Structures are given as C-alpha cells and as structure tokens.
C-alpha atoms as a PDB file:
ATOM      1  CA  MET A   1     -16.634   7.135  14.987  1.00  0.00           C
ATOM      2  CA  HIS A   2     -14.514   8.047  11.875  1.00  0.00           C
ATOM      3  CA  CYS A   3     -11.459   5.994  13.778  1.00  0.00           C
ATOM      4  CA  TYR A   4      -8.222   7.403  12.173  1.00  0.00           C
ATOM      5  CA  GLY A   5      -9.876   8.672   9.568  1.00  0.00           C
ATOM      6  CA  ASN A   6     -11.382   5.738   8.033  1.00  0.00           C
ATOM      7  CA  PRO A   7     -15.194   6.128   7.459  1.00  0.00           C
ATOM      8  CA  CYS A   8     -17.889   4.308   9.141  1.00  0.00           C
ATOM      9  CA  ASP A   9     -20.406   2.653   6.852  1.00  0.00           C
ATOM     10  CA  VAL A  10     -22.224   5.557   6.789  1.00  0.00           C
ATOM     11  CA  GLY A  11     -24.711   4.502   4.180  1.00  0.00           C
ATOM     12  CA  ARG A  12     -25.723   1.542   6.048  1.00  0.00           C
ATOM     13  CA  ILE A  13     -25.778   3.606   9.787  1.00  0.00           C
ATOM     14  CA  GLN A  14     -28.258   5.577   8.262  1.00  0.00           C
ATOM     15  CA  ARG A  15     -30.879   3.040   7.054  1.00  0.00           C
ATOM     16  CA  ILE A  16     -30.907   1.774  10.326  1.00  0.00           C
ATOM     17  CA  ALA A  17     -31.419   5.539  11.738  1.00  0.00           C
ATOM     18  CA  ASP A  18     -33.737   6.108   9.385  1.00  0.00           C
ATOM     19  CA  ARG A  19     -35.828   2.913  10.105  1.00  0.00           C
ATOM     20  CA  TYR A  20     -35.921   3.294  13.878  1.00  0.00           C
ATOM     21  CA  GLY A  21     -36.271   7.181  14.001  1.00  0.00           C
ATOM     22  CA  LEU A  22     -32.759   7.802  15.332  1.00  0.00           C
ATOM     23  CA  LYS A  23     -30.655  10.447  15.303  1.00  0.00           C
ATOM     24  CA  VAL A  24     -26.848  10.065  14.025  1.00  0.00           C
ATOM     25  CA  ILE A  25     -23.958  11.357  15.644  1.00  0.00           C
ATOM     26  CA  TYR A  26     -20.220  10.616  14.259  1.00  0.00           C
ATOM     27  CA  ASP A  27     -16.955  11.221  16.116  1.00  0.00           C
ATOM     28  CA  ALA A  28     -15.337  13.071  13.426  1.00  0.00           C
ATOM     29  CA  ALA A  29     -12.569  14.027  15.724  1.00  0.00           C
ATOM     30  CA  HIS A  30      -9.879  12.370  12.882  1.00  0.00           C
ATOM     31  CA  ALA A  31     -11.893  13.220   9.961  1.00  0.00           C
ATOM     32  CA  PHE A  32     -11.300  16.922   9.150  1.00  0.00           C
ATOM     33  CA  GLY A  33     -11.025  17.314   5.358  1.00  0.00           C
ATOM     34  CA  VAL A  34     -11.408  13.347   4.466  1.00  0.00           C
ATOM     35  CA  SER A  35     -14.097  12.557   1.553  1.00  0.00           C
ATOM     36  CA  HIS A  36     -15.803   9.841   0.615  1.00  0.00           C
ATOM     37  CA  HIS A  37     -17.124   9.475  -2.631  1.00  0.00           C
ATOM     38  CA  GLY A  38     -16.524  12.763  -3.943  1.00  0.00           C
ATOM     39  CA  ARG A  39     -18.016  14.410  -0.823  1.00  0.00           C
ATOM     40  CA  SER A  40     -17.334  16.032   2.714  1.00  0.00           C
ATOM     41  CA  LEU A  41     -17.302  13.219   5.286  1.00  0.00           C
ATOM     42  CA  LEU A  42     -18.489  15.595   8.053  1.00  0.00           C
ATOM     43  CA  ARG A  43     -21.925  15.422   5.854  1.00  0.00           C
ATOM     44  CA  ALA A  44     -23.205  12.006   7.166  1.00  0.00           C
ATOM     45  CA  GLY A  45     -25.348  12.043  10.019  1.00  0.00           C
ATOM     46  CA  ASP A  46     -27.123  14.768  11.973  1.00  0.00           C
ATOM     47  CA  LEU A  47     -23.856  16.209  13.290  1.00  0.00           C
ATOM     48  CA  SER A  48     -20.381  15.412  13.213  1.00  0.00           C
ATOM     49  CA  MET A  49     -17.718  16.473  16.024  1.00  0.00           C
ATOM     50  CA  LEU A  50     -14.044  17.402  15.112  1.00  0.00           C
ATOM     51  CA  SER A  51     -11.325  17.641  17.249  1.00  0.00           C
ATOM     52  CA  PHE A  52      -8.583  20.556  16.463  1.00  0.00           C
ATOM     53  CA  HIS A  53      -6.214  19.430  19.271  1.00  0.00           C
ATOM     54  CA  ALA A  54      -2.461  19.712  18.519  1.00  0.00           C
ATOM     55  CA  THR A  55      -2.112  15.923  17.435  1.00  0.00           C
ATOM     56  CA  LYS A  56      -4.432  16.639  14.621  1.00  0.00           C
ATOM     57  CA  SER A  57      -3.204  17.077  10.767  1.00  0.00           C
ATOM     58  CA  PHE A  58      -5.651  20.302  11.391  1.00  0.00           C
ATOM     59  CA  ASN A  59      -5.488  21.832  14.937  1.00  0.00           C
ATOM     60  CA  THR A  60      -5.901  25.382  16.884  1.00  0.00           C
ATOM     61  CA  PHE A  61      -3.596  23.655  19.692  1.00  0.00           C
ATOM     62  CA  GLU A  62      -6.752  22.931  21.397  1.00  0.00           C
ATOM     63  CA  GLY A  63     -10.670  22.922  20.776  1.00  0.00           C
ATOM     64  CA  GLY A  64     -13.097  21.380  17.969  1.00  0.00           C
ATOM     65  CA  ALA A  65     -16.192  22.614  16.434  1.00  0.00           C
ATOM     66  CA  ILE A  66     -19.710  20.604  15.231  1.00  0.00           C
ATOM     67  CA  VAL A  67     -20.817  20.433  11.868  1.00  0.00           C
ATOM     68  CA  SER A  68     -24.570  20.995  12.039  1.00  0.00           C
ATOM     69  CA  PRO A  69     -26.738  20.799   9.062  1.00  0.00           C
ATOM     70  CA  ASP A  70     -29.077  23.273   9.714  1.00  0.00           C
ATOM     71  CA  GLU A  71     -29.380  26.921  11.771  1.00  0.00           C
ATOM     72  CA  ARG A  72     -32.160  25.672  14.070  1.00  0.00           C
ATOM     73  CA  THR A  73     -29.391  23.428  15.507  1.00  0.00           C
ATOM     74  CA  LYS A  74     -26.457  25.763  14.785  1.00  0.00           C
ATOM     75  CA  GLN A  75     -28.040  27.915  17.189  1.00  0.00           C
ATOM     76  CA  ARG A  76     -28.934  25.882  20.087  1.00  0.00           C
ATOM     77  CA  ILE A  77     -25.371  25.048  20.025  1.00  0.00           C
ATOM     78  CA  ASP A  78     -24.542  28.664  19.857  1.00  0.00           C
ATOM     79  CA  PHE A  79     -26.437  28.828  23.259  1.00  0.00           C
ATOM     80  CA  LEU A  80     -25.349  25.869  24.865  1.00  0.00           C
ATOM     81  CA  LYS A  81     -21.922  26.638  24.415  1.00  0.00           C
ATOM     82  CA  ASN A  82     -21.885  30.951  25.629  1.00  0.00           C
ATOM     83  CA  PHE A  83     -23.674  30.110  29.101  1.00  0.00           C
ATOM     84  CA  GLY A  84     -27.295  30.237  26.869  1.00  0.00           C
ATOM     85  CA  ILE A  85     -26.692  33.828  26.517  1.00  0.00           C
ATOM     86  CA  ALA A  86     -28.747  35.197  23.446  1.00  0.00           C
ATOM     87  CA  ASP A  87     -28.034  38.853  23.990  1.00  0.00           C
ATOM     88  CA  GLU A  88     -26.559  41.078  27.203  1.00  0.00           C
ATOM     89  CA  VAL A  89     -29.962  40.863  28.675  1.00  0.00           C
ATOM     90  CA  THR A  90     -31.300  37.142  27.877  1.00  0.00           C
ATOM     91  CA  VAL A  91     -30.223  33.970  28.747  1.00  0.00           C
ATOM     92  CA  VAL A  92     -32.341  31.551  27.291  1.00  0.00           C
ATOM     93  CA  ALA A  93     -31.089  28.126  28.571  1.00  0.00           C
ATOM     94  CA  PRO A  94     -28.672  26.292  30.716  1.00  0.00           C
ATOM     95  CA  GLY A  95     -25.092  26.618  28.824  1.00  0.00           C
ATOM     96  CA  ILE A  96     -21.394  25.990  28.923  1.00  0.00           C
ATOM     97  CA  ASN A  97     -18.223  27.654  28.494  1.00  0.00           C
ATOM     98  CA  GLY A  98     -17.537  26.183  25.176  1.00  0.00           C
ATOM     99  CA  LYS A  99     -16.280  28.724  23.016  1.00  0.00           C
ATOM    100  CA  MET A 100     -12.755  28.957  21.165  1.00  0.00           C
ATOM    101  CA  ASN A 101     -10.545  31.891  21.867  1.00  0.00           C
ATOM    102  CA  GLU A 102      -9.487  34.368  19.314  1.00  0.00           C
ATOM    103  CA  VAL A 103      -6.033  33.474  19.475  1.00  0.00           C
ATOM    104  CA  GLN A 104      -6.572  29.829  18.891  1.00  0.00           C
ATOM    105  CA  ALA A 105      -9.067  30.592  15.791  1.00  0.00           C
ATOM    106  CA  ALA A 106      -6.253  33.174  14.589  1.00  0.00           C
ATOM    107  CA  PHE A 107      -3.974  30.080  14.401  1.00  0.00           C
ATOM    108  CA  GLY A 108      -6.289  27.822  12.719  1.00  0.00           C
ATOM    109  CA  LEU A 109      -7.161  30.217   9.991  1.00  0.00           C
ATOM    110  CA  LEU A 110      -3.361  30.614   9.251  1.00  0.00           C
ATOM    111  CA  GLN A 111      -2.968  26.462   9.560  1.00  0.00           C
ATOM    112  CA  LEU A 112      -5.751  26.793   6.364  1.00  0.00           C
ATOM    113  CA  ARG A 113      -2.888  28.359   4.169  1.00  0.00           C
ATOM    114  CA  TYR A 114      -0.517  24.958   4.436  1.00  0.00           C
ATOM    115  CA  LEU A 115      -2.816  22.342   5.043  1.00  0.00           C
ATOM    116  CA  LEU A 116      -3.030  21.278   1.413  1.00  0.00           C
ATOM    117  CA  ASP A 117       0.352  20.799   1.322  1.00  0.00           C
ATOM    118  CA  GLY A 118       0.774  19.394   4.432  1.00  0.00           C
ATOM    119  CA  TRP A 119      -1.709  16.820   3.550  1.00  0.00           C
ATOM    120  CA  ARG A 120       0.409  15.747   0.418  1.00  0.00           C
ATOM    121  CA  LYS A 121       3.810  15.755   2.542  1.00  0.00           C
ATOM    122  CA  ARG A 122       1.894  13.207   4.913  1.00  0.00           C
ATOM    123  CA  GLN A 123       0.936  10.970   1.902  1.00  0.00           C
ATOM    124  CA  ALA A 124       4.015  10.881   0.713  1.00  0.00           C
ATOM    125  CA  VAL A 125       5.381   9.835   4.397  1.00  0.00           C
ATOM    126  CA  ASP A 126       2.387   7.029   4.059  1.00  0.00           C
ATOM    127  CA  ARG A 127       3.621   5.681   0.720  1.00  0.00           C
ATOM    128  CA  ARG A 128       7.146   5.455   1.817  1.00  0.00           C
ATOM    129  CA  TYR A 129       6.206   3.243   4.836  1.00  0.00           C
ATOM    130  CA  ARG A 130       3.917   0.652   2.614  1.00  0.00           C
ATOM    131  CA  ALA A 131       6.548   0.396   0.418  1.00  0.00           C
ATOM    132  CA  ALA A 132       8.895  -0.561   3.324  1.00  0.00           C
ATOM    133  CA  LEU A 133       6.800  -2.453   5.535  1.00  0.00           C
ATOM    134  CA  ALA A 134       4.710  -4.283   2.972  1.00  0.00           C
ATOM    135  CA  ASP A 135       6.359  -7.467   2.624  1.00  0.00           C
ATOM    136  CA  VAL A 136       6.914  -7.757   6.779  1.00  0.00           C
ATOM    137  CA  ARG A 137       5.689 -10.765   8.661  1.00  0.00           C
ATOM    138  CA  GLY A 138       3.057 -10.236  11.122  1.00  0.00           C
ATOM    139  CA  LEU A 139       2.249  -6.504  10.266  1.00  0.00           C
ATOM    140  CA  ARG A 140      -0.819  -5.515   9.114  1.00  0.00           C
ATOM    141  CA  LEU A 141      -0.826  -2.260   7.776  1.00  0.00           C
ATOM    142  CA  PRO A 142      -3.232   0.494   7.593  1.00  0.00           C
ATOM    143  CA  ARG A 143      -5.984  -0.514   4.692  1.00  0.00           C
ATOM    144  CA  GLU A 144      -6.672   1.989   1.395  1.00  0.00           C
ATOM    145  CA  TRP A 145     -10.622   2.531   0.878  1.00  0.00           C
ATOM    146  CA  PRO A 146     -11.802   3.184  -2.324  1.00  0.00           C
ATOM    147  CA  ASP A 147     -13.695   6.630  -2.939  1.00  0.00           C
ATOM    148  CA  VAL A 148     -12.313   8.000   0.045  1.00  0.00           C
ATOM    149  CA  VAL A 149      -9.631  11.172   0.195  1.00  0.00           C
ATOM    150  CA  SER A 150      -7.398  10.417   3.293  1.00  0.00           C
ATOM    151  CA  ASN A 151      -5.938  13.357   5.414  1.00  0.00           C
ATOM    152  CA  TYR A 152      -3.336  11.045   6.616  1.00  0.00           C
ATOM    153  CA  SER A 153      -3.283  12.161   9.791  1.00  0.00           C
ATOM    154  CA  TYR A 154      -2.281   8.198  11.174  1.00  0.00           C
ATOM    155  CA  PHE A 155      -0.222   5.190  10.052  1.00  0.00           C
ATOM    156  CA  THR A 156      -1.625   2.714  12.273  1.00  0.00           C
ATOM    157  CA  VAL A 157       0.060  -0.788  12.164  1.00  0.00           C
ATOM    158  CA  LEU A 158      -1.289  -3.730  13.663  1.00  0.00           C
ATOM    159  CA  LEU A 159       1.253  -6.640  15.020  1.00  0.00           C
ATOM    160  CA  GLY A 160      -0.343  -9.875  14.693  1.00  0.00           C
ATOM    161  CA  LEU A 161       1.169 -13.352  16.652  1.00  0.00           C
ATOM    162  CA  ASP A 162       3.875 -13.979  13.893  1.00  0.00           C
ATOM    163  CA  TYR A 163       5.337 -10.707  14.248  1.00  0.00           C
ATOM    164  CA  PRO A 164       8.170 -11.624  16.704  1.00  0.00           C
ATOM    165  CA  LEU A 165       7.612  -8.783  19.546  1.00  0.00           C
ATOM    166  CA  THR A 166       4.565  -8.299  21.358  1.00  0.00           C
ATOM    167  CA  ARG A 167       3.201  -4.682  20.322  1.00  0.00           C
ATOM    168  CA  ASP A 168       4.531  -3.208  23.826  1.00  0.00           C
ATOM    169  CA  GLU A 169       7.831  -4.499  23.264  1.00  0.00           C
ATOM    170  CA  LEU A 170       8.396  -3.078  19.584  1.00  0.00           C
ATOM    171  CA  TYR A 171       6.804  -0.025  21.439  1.00  0.00           C
ATOM    172  CA  LEU A 172       9.651   0.003  23.987  1.00  0.00           C
ATOM    173  CA  ARG A 173      12.247  -0.745  21.275  1.00  0.00           C
ATOM    174  CA  LEU A 174      11.109   2.416  19.249  1.00  0.00           C
ATOM    175  CA  LYS A 175      11.546   4.474  22.592  1.00  0.00           C
ATOM    176  CA  GLY A 176      14.600   3.389  23.666  1.00  0.00           C
ATOM    177  CA  GLU A 177      15.547   4.758  20.128  1.00  0.00           C
ATOM    178  CA  GLY A 178      14.325   7.701  20.711  1.00  0.00           C
ATOM    179  CA  ILE A 179      11.053   7.296  18.874  1.00  0.00           C
ATOM    180  CA  LEU A 180       7.915   8.053  19.843  1.00  0.00           C
ATOM    181  CA  ALA A 181       5.182   5.618  18.825  1.00  0.00           C
ATOM    182  CA  ARG A 182       1.733   5.673  20.451  1.00  0.00           C
ATOM    183  CA  ARG A 183      -0.564   2.883  21.811  1.00  0.00           C
ATOM    184  CA  TYR A 184      -3.699   4.125  20.271  1.00  0.00           C
ATOM    185  CA  PHE A 185      -6.514   3.575  22.079  1.00  0.00           C
ATOM    186  CA  PHE A 186      -4.674   2.132  25.263  1.00  0.00           C
ATOM    187  CA  PRO A 187      -5.741   1.243  27.578  1.00  0.00           C
ATOM    188  CA  LEU A 188      -9.260   0.722  27.007  1.00  0.00           C
ATOM    189  CA  VAL A 189     -12.027   2.905  28.654  1.00  0.00           C
ATOM    190  CA  SER A 190     -13.136  -0.590  29.980  1.00  0.00           C
ATOM    191  CA  ASP A 191      -9.870  -0.966  31.506  1.00  0.00           C
ATOM    192  CA  MET A 192     -10.096   2.283  33.865  1.00  0.00           C
ATOM    193  CA  PRO A 193     -11.211   2.137  37.666  1.00  0.00           C
ATOM    194  CA  MET A 194     -14.291   3.780  37.085  1.00  0.00           C
ATOM    195  CA  TYR A 195     -15.692   1.158  34.614  1.00  0.00           C
ATOM    196  CA  ARG A 196     -13.668  -1.813  34.671  1.00  0.00           C
ATOM    197  CA  GLY A 197     -16.177  -3.266  37.534  1.00  0.00           C
ATOM    198  CA  LEU A 198     -19.454  -3.141  35.263  1.00  0.00           C
ATOM    199  CA  PRO A 199     -20.380  -6.481  33.998  1.00  0.00           C
ATOM    200  CA  SER A 200     -20.666  -4.715  29.979  1.00  0.00           C
ATOM    201  CA  ALA A 201     -16.690  -4.051  30.648  1.00  0.00           C
ATOM    202  CA  ALA A 202     -15.819  -7.660  30.892  1.00  0.00           C
ATOM    203  CA  PRO A 203     -12.708  -8.214  28.238  1.00  0.00           C
ATOM    204  CA  GLU A 204     -15.009 -11.950  27.365  1.00  0.00           C
ATOM    205  CA  ASN A 205     -17.950  -9.177  26.437  1.00  0.00           C
ATOM    206  CA  LEU A 206     -15.468  -6.796  24.209  1.00  0.00           C
ATOM    207  CA  PRO A 207     -13.339 -10.095  22.507  1.00  0.00           C
ATOM    208  CA  VAL A 208     -11.939  -7.470  19.635  1.00  0.00           C
ATOM    209  CA  ALA A 209     -11.550  -4.335  21.173  1.00  0.00           C
ATOM    210  CA  THR A 210      -9.610  -6.053  23.857  1.00  0.00           C
ATOM    211  CA  ARG A 211      -7.733  -7.996  21.092  1.00  0.00           C
ATOM    212  CA  VAL A 212      -6.749  -4.821  18.805  1.00  0.00           C
ATOM    213  CA  ALA A 213      -6.097  -3.071  22.191  1.00  0.00           C
ATOM    214  CA  GLN A 214      -3.006  -5.110  22.432  1.00  0.00           C
ATOM    215  CA  GLU A 215      -2.187  -5.018  18.807  1.00  0.00           C
ATOM    216  CA  VAL A 216      -2.367  -1.632  17.530  1.00  0.00           C
ATOM    217  CA  LEU A 217       0.870   0.999  17.478  1.00  0.00           C
ATOM    218  CA  CYS A 218       0.491   4.447  15.679  1.00  0.00           C
ATOM    219  CA  LEU A 219       4.071   5.511  14.020  1.00  0.00           C
ATOM    220  CA  PRO A 220       5.210   8.624  13.872  1.00  0.00           C
ATOM    221  CA  ILE A 221       3.706  10.558  10.904  1.00  0.00           C
ATOM    222  CA  HIS A 222       3.637  14.063  10.078  1.00  0.00           C
ATOM    223  CA  ALA A 223       4.149  16.749   7.421  1.00  0.00           C
ATOM    224  CA  ASP A 224       7.657  17.571   7.987  1.00  0.00           C
ATOM    225  CA  LEU A 225       9.107  13.695   8.888  1.00  0.00           C
ATOM    226  CA  LEU A 226      12.523  13.643   7.197  1.00  0.00           C
ATOM    227  CA  PRO A 227      13.645  10.918   5.092  1.00  0.00           C
ATOM    228  CA  ASP A 228      16.407   9.747   7.218  1.00  0.00           C
ATOM    229  CA  ASP A 229      14.029   9.922  10.546  1.00  0.00           C
ATOM    230  CA  GLN A 230      11.363   7.958   9.092  1.00  0.00           C
ATOM    231  CA  ASP A 231      14.144   5.750   8.264  1.00  0.00           C
ATOM    232  CA  ARG A 232      15.188   5.288  11.374  1.00  0.00           C
ATOM    233  CA  VAL A 233      11.589   4.233  12.353  1.00  0.00           C
ATOM    234  CA  ILE A 234      11.504   1.502   9.258  1.00  0.00           C
ATOM    235  CA  ALA A 235      14.629  -0.139  10.398  1.00  0.00           C
ATOM    236  CA  VAL A 236      13.470  -0.754  14.268  1.00  0.00           C
ATOM    237  CA  VAL A 237      10.658  -2.212  12.840  1.00  0.00           C
ATOM    238  CA  ARG A 238      12.097  -4.231   9.642  1.00  0.00           C
ATOM    239  CA  GLY A 239      14.935  -5.208  12.440  1.00  0.00           C
ATOM    240  CA  ALA A 240      12.470  -6.290  14.847  1.00  0.00           C
ATOM    241  CA  ALA A 241      10.806  -8.782  12.472  1.00  0.00           C
ATOM    242  CA  ARG A 242      14.068 -10.777  11.494  1.00  0.00           C
END
C-alpha cells in the first residue's frame, strides 16, 4: 500500500516478485496523481487499485478504478465488474455489479478541471503546517520523499512519548474546538471482533502497527482550508505541547 500517497519501495518489491514469479497488486487508494522518479506511481506492479471516495483529493463521491497494463487483463476486469456480460446474449464468466454510474463519472470529469489548482492549494497548506509545527517537541511530521511529486491528500503526524498529550487526548481536544482530525488507521483490523481471536492478530505479533495506531493523527487539509482556520488547528497542537 502506498500509504498516505508515500511510495512503497517499488523497485525492491518488483525484484522479489521477479525472483519468485509473483504478481504485485498495489493498494494505491491514496496515490492518484503521485509520481515517482518522474513516472506515474500507478504504473508500478501488475495492477494498481484506486479509490475515488469522497475523502480523496480526486473523487467521484464513491467508486474507484483499476490501472491495468494490458488489454487482456482489462477485458477480464470489465467482464468481472459487469456480471460477466460480453454482449446482449453472452455471459462469459461469473461477475459482480461493480460499475461506476454516469453521474459519478460526470462528477469526476468536472473535478479534473480543478485538480492541479487543488493540489497547489493543498501544497500551500502542507507547507504552512510544516513551518508552524517543525519545532513542536514530540511531534513527527510527514517525511518529504526525494523524487516524489505528492498529491498532498493527507497531513499525518505521529505523537511520541515526549508530546504532553496522548494521541487520543489531542484528538478530543481538537474535537472540543470543533476541529475534526482523524485517527487513521484506527482501530487496527486485528482489533476487530472477527479477527482479534486469531493468533496472527496478537499485539505482540504486530508491534509496529500496534504502536503507530496509537500515535497517528491526520490534521485537516483540503484545498479551501482558510489560513485563519488552519491557525486554529496549529494553535491547539502547539498549545497542547507547552
């Protein structure tokens, strides 16, 4: 998964896949528009899965897309998403109803007109957060990756032990000020009732995920976030650190 739009080590993953004859499918839900070494990140691997959910920087309210490198795979996916129907009288395989409707597609096409401007505005919000929060003790800011053009979909911070509040305490303090941050990904899938009884879901088997799930907080970021509103977020985060 290209989490928060940060590229996986796609070269290393591909070398492992080539060595063992594996296919690589990327969860690129956060990575629409991200480029890596001058090349679309969506071209890595065998398939890339996109989300166009309303929370994404490019969205169609709901839906998504699969980026496929060849016509044969695309044809198989097209059959799968449309009940396996090839034409009016021919069904070639089992399938599902996974089509995007025309209203969603029209909404997405309209969004494309404003996408670059929206990313530029998000970048300005990102830069402002970085300048204002860089010296806050116990707060780790998102890493800036070399040779990556970001879509600035998220501004995700990690709260260390030397930050005066826990992540949940800061989340609730922001919420009390009418500021909706997000604990992302929280709770862990391994904490869900249907999985937590499995040996593989034991916290001692997932030490990094368990720790990060208690530290991560996404601060508000969107193209129309006004400086005064961003200053309110910054004031709460800085004020809690004093």
